[in-house]
C-alpha atoms as a PDB file:
ATOM      1  CA  MET A   1      -0.036  -0.050  -0.030  1.00  0.00           C
ATOM      2  CA  GLY A   2       1.498   3.261  -1.013  1.00  0.00           C
ATOM      3  CA  ILE A   3       1.109   6.501   0.854  1.00  0.00           C
ATOM      4  CA  SER A   4       0.423   9.525  -1.270  1.00  0.00           C
ATOM      5  CA  VAL A   5       1.444  13.109  -0.417  1.00  0.00           C
ATOM      6  CA  GLY A   6      -2.202  14.195  -1.107  1.00  0.00           C
ATOM      7  CA  GLY A   7      -3.470  11.596   1.498  1.00  0.00           C
ATOM      8  CA  VAL A   8      -0.956  12.826   4.099  1.00  0.00           C
ATOM      9  CA  CYS A   9      -2.035  16.391   3.491  1.00  0.00           C
ATOM     10  CA  THR A  10      -5.704  15.612   3.766  1.00  0.00           C
ATOM     11  CA  VAL A  11      -5.173  13.756   7.079  1.00  0.00           C
ATOM     12  CA  ALA A  12      -2.983  16.677   8.359  1.00  0.00           C
ATOM     13  CA  GLU A  13      -5.683  19.099   7.581  1.00  0.00           C
ATOM     14  CA  GLY A  14      -8.186  17.093   9.576  1.00  0.00           C
ATOM     15  CA  GLY A  15      -9.686  15.100   6.824  1.00  0.00           C
ATOM     16  CA  ALA A  16     -10.009  11.374   6.713  1.00  0.00           C
ATOM     17  CA  MET A  17      -8.815   8.772   4.166  1.00  0.00           C
ATOM     18  CA  LEU A  18     -10.552   5.393   3.716  1.00  0.00           C
ATOM     19  CA  ALA A  19      -9.361   2.383   1.893  1.00  0.00           C
ATOM     20  CA  PRO A  20     -11.476   1.536  -1.239  1.00  0.00           C
ATOM     21  CA  GLY A  21     -12.869  -1.606   0.347  1.00  0.00           C
ATOM     22  CA  ILE A  22     -14.150   0.280   3.379  1.00  0.00           C
ATOM     23  CA  THR A  23     -15.680   2.982   1.101  1.00  0.00           C
ATOM     24  CA  GLN A  24     -17.540   0.315  -0.912  1.00  0.00           C
ATOM     25  CA  ARG A  25     -18.924  -1.323   2.228  1.00  0.00           C
ATOM     26  CA  LEU A  26     -20.126   2.119   3.631  1.00  0.00           C
ATOM     27  CA  ILE A  27     -21.820   2.986   0.438  1.00  0.00           C
ATOM     28  CA  SER A  28     -23.434  -0.522   0.282  1.00  0.00           C
ATOM     29  CA  GLN A  29     -24.666  -0.233   3.871  1.00  0.00           C
ATOM     30  CA  PHE A  30     -26.030   3.229   3.218  1.00  0.00           C
ATOM     31  CA  ALA A  31     -27.775   2.215   0.021  1.00  0.00           C
ATOM     32  CA  GLN A  32     -29.222  -0.751   1.954  1.00  0.00           C
ATOM     33  CA  LYS A  33     -30.478   1.536   4.744  1.00  0.00           C
ATOM     34  CA  MET A  34     -32.028   3.907   2.212  1.00  0.00           C
ATOM     35  CA  GLY A  35     -33.876   1.023   0.604  1.00  0.00           C
ATOM     36  CA  THR A  36     -35.158   0.078   4.002  1.00  0.00           C
ATOM     37  CA  GLY A  37     -36.189   3.610   4.706  1.00  0.00           C
ATOM     38  CA  ARG A  38     -38.227   3.662   1.420  1.00  0.00           C
ATOM     39  CA  ASN A  39     -39.780   0.331   2.336  1.00  0.00           C
ATOM     40  CA  LEU A  40     -40.790   1.643   5.809  1.00  0.00           C
ATOM     41  CA  ALA A  41     -42.232   4.836   4.180  1.00  0.00           C
ATOM     42  CA  GLU A  42     -44.226   2.733   1.700  1.00  0.00           C
ATOM     43  CA  ARG A  43     -45.609   0.557   4.543  1.00  0.00           C
ATOM     44  CA  LEU A  44     -46.481   3.609   6.608  1.00  0.00           C
ATOM     45  CA  GLU A  45     -48.461   4.991   3.584  1.00  0.00           C
ATOM     46  CA  ARG A  46     -50.879   2.040   3.876  1.00  0.00           C
ATOM     47  CA  LEU A  47     -52.287   3.477   7.172  1.00  0.00           C
ATOM     48  CA  THR A  48     -55.097   5.968   7.379  1.00  0.00           C
ATOM     49  CA  THR A  49     -54.415   9.226   9.325  1.00  0.00           C
ATOM     50  CA  ARG A  50     -56.224   7.897  12.349  1.00  0.00           C
ATOM     51  CA  GLU A  51     -54.143   4.639  12.236  1.00  0.00           C
ATOM     52  CA  ARG A  52     -50.998   6.673  12.263  1.00  0.00           C
ATOM     53  CA  GLU A  53     -52.186   8.665  15.247  1.00  0.00           C
ATOM     54  CA  VAL A  54     -53.044   5.391  17.083  1.00  0.00           C
ATOM     55  CA  LEU A  55     -49.514   4.062  16.117  1.00  0.00           C
ATOM     56  CA  GLY A  56     -47.832   7.103  17.433  1.00  0.00           C
ATOM     57  CA  ALA A  57     -49.827   6.762  20.689  1.00  0.00           C
ATOM     58  CA  ILE A  58     -48.824   3.128  20.972  1.00  0.00           C
ATOM     59  CA  ALA A  59     -45.124   4.168  20.489  1.00  0.00           C
ATOM     60  CA  ALA A  60     -45.746   6.805  23.326  1.00  0.00           C
ATOM     61  CA  GLY A  61     -46.655   3.895  25.587  1.00  0.00           C
ATOM     62  CA  LYS A  62     -50.351   4.763  25.828  1.00  0.00           C
ATOM     63  CA  SER A  63     -52.915   2.100  26.753  1.00  0.00           C
ATOM     64  CA  ASN A  64     -56.034   1.567  24.526  1.00  0.00           C
ATOM     65  CA  ALA A  65     -58.100   3.500  27.112  1.00  0.00           C
ATOM     66  CA  GLU A  66     -55.606   6.355  27.102  1.00  0.00           C
ATOM     67  CA  ILE A  67     -55.596   6.475  23.282  1.00  0.00           C
ATOM     68  CA  ALA A  68     -59.427   6.405  23.156  1.00  0.00           C
ATOM     69  CA  GLU A  69     -59.580   9.357  25.597  1.00  0.00           C
ATOM     70  CA  ALA A  70     -56.903  11.419  23.738  1.00  0.00           C
ATOM     71  CA  LEU A  71     -58.573  10.832  20.282  1.00  0.00           C
ATOM     72  CA  PHE A  72     -62.160  11.066  21.473  1.00  0.00           C
ATOM     73  CA  ILE A  73     -63.072   7.594  20.297  1.00  0.00           C
ATOM     74  CA  GLY A  74     -64.256   4.401  22.060  1.00  0.00           C
ATOM     75  CA  PRO A  75     -61.816   1.772  23.265  1.00  0.00           C
ATOM     76  CA  ALA A  76     -63.435  -0.812  20.839  1.00  0.00           C
ATOM     77  CA  THR A  77     -62.583   1.456  18.062  1.00  0.00           C
ATOM     78  CA  VAL A  78     -59.034   1.821  19.204  1.00  0.00           C
ATOM     79  CA  LYS A  79     -58.822  -2.037  19.244  1.00  0.00           C
ATOM     80  CA  THR A  80     -60.075  -2.029  15.704  1.00  0.00           C
ATOM     81  CA  HIS A  81     -57.471   0.543  14.583  1.00  0.00           C
ATOM     82  CA  VAL A  82     -54.718  -1.395  16.357  1.00  0.00           C
ATOM     83  CA  SER A  83     -55.783  -4.665  14.658  1.00  0.00           C
ATOM     84  CA  SER A  84     -55.888  -2.950  11.326  1.00  0.00           C
ATOM     85  CA  LEU A  85     -52.631  -1.214  11.563  1.00  0.00           C
ATOM     86  CA  LEU A  86     -50.888  -4.447  12.641  1.00  0.00           C
ATOM     87  CA  SER A  87     -52.439  -6.259   9.725  1.00  0.00           C
ATOM     88  CA  LYS A  88     -51.518  -3.663   7.195  1.00  0.00           C
ATOM     89  CA  LEU A  89     -48.009  -3.374   8.449  1.00  0.00           C
ATOM     90  CA  GLY A  90     -47.423  -7.102   8.831  1.00  0.00           C
ATOM     91  CA  LEU A  91     -46.679  -6.827  12.493  1.00  0.00           C
ATOM     92  CA  ARG A  92     -47.235  -9.432  15.170  1.00  0.00           C
ATOM     93  CA  ASP A  93     -47.925  -7.284  18.190  1.00  0.00           C
ATOM     94  CA  ARG A  94     -47.666  -3.789  19.903  1.00  0.00           C
ATOM     95  CA  ALA A  95     -43.972  -4.282  20.667  1.00  0.00           C
ATOM     96  CA  GLN A  96     -43.205  -4.699  16.899  1.00  0.00           C
ATOM     97  CA  ALA A  97     -45.478  -1.629  16.273  1.00  0.00           C
ATOM     98  CA  VAL A  98     -43.376   0.487  18.602  1.00  0.00           C
ATOM     99  CA  VAL A  99     -40.152  -0.561  16.902  1.00  0.00           C
ATOM    100  CA  PHE A 100     -41.726   0.150  13.523  1.00  0.00           C
ATOM    101  CA  ALA A 101     -42.897   3.602  14.662  1.00  0.00           C
ATOM    102  CA  TYR A 102     -39.390   4.549  15.724  1.00  0.00           C
ATOM    103  CA  GLU A 103     -37.703   3.005  12.657  1.00  0.00           C
ATOM    104  CA  CYS A 104     -39.945   4.929  10.261  1.00  0.00           C
ATOM    105  CA  GLY A 105     -39.546   8.235  12.203  1.00  0.00           C
ATOM    106  CA  LEU A 106     -43.217   8.496  13.359  1.00  0.00           C
ATOM    107  CA  ALA A 107     -41.861   8.472  16.951  1.00  0.00           C
ATOM    108  CA  THR A 108     -38.608   9.853  18.188  1.00  0.00           C
ATOM    109  CA  VAL A 109     -36.483   9.285  21.481  1.00  0.00           C
ATOM    110  CA  GLY A 110     -37.289  11.854  24.060  1.00  0.00           C
ATOM    111  CA  GLU A 111     -40.613  12.729  22.548  1.00  0.00           C
ATOM    112  CA  CYS A 112     -42.619  11.572  25.556  1.00  0.00           C
ATOM    113  CA  ASP A 113     -42.293  10.851  29.229  1.00  0.00           C
ATOM    114  CA  VAL A 114     -42.769   7.158  29.629  1.00  0.00           C
ATOM    115  CA  GLY A 115     -43.069   5.457  32.959  1.00  0.00           C
ATOM    116  CA  PHE A 116     -41.170   7.352  35.425  1.00  0.00           C
END
């Protein structure tokens, strides 16, 4: 492996140099993540506005009763929305729904006070 003067100057100026193999892996992983992001966005588009609201509330740790109160709907309607969004997104349970909400950006860390 040869060291180039340009590479030394770049590093001396605070830049970084990566081996071509590492660069290829980074680009590949980034492209893969972008594809996953698009897939999540496409799945999220399957939901109605109300189902997205319910999903956000689930991610915030709210119970069905709390969601019903916040959205001015009945608990049975919340259950229907939860079942529908789980089915549309191909998710097994509320835990997977929470993960999905964070992965697609519908919920973010520090957005709500959960538990304590």
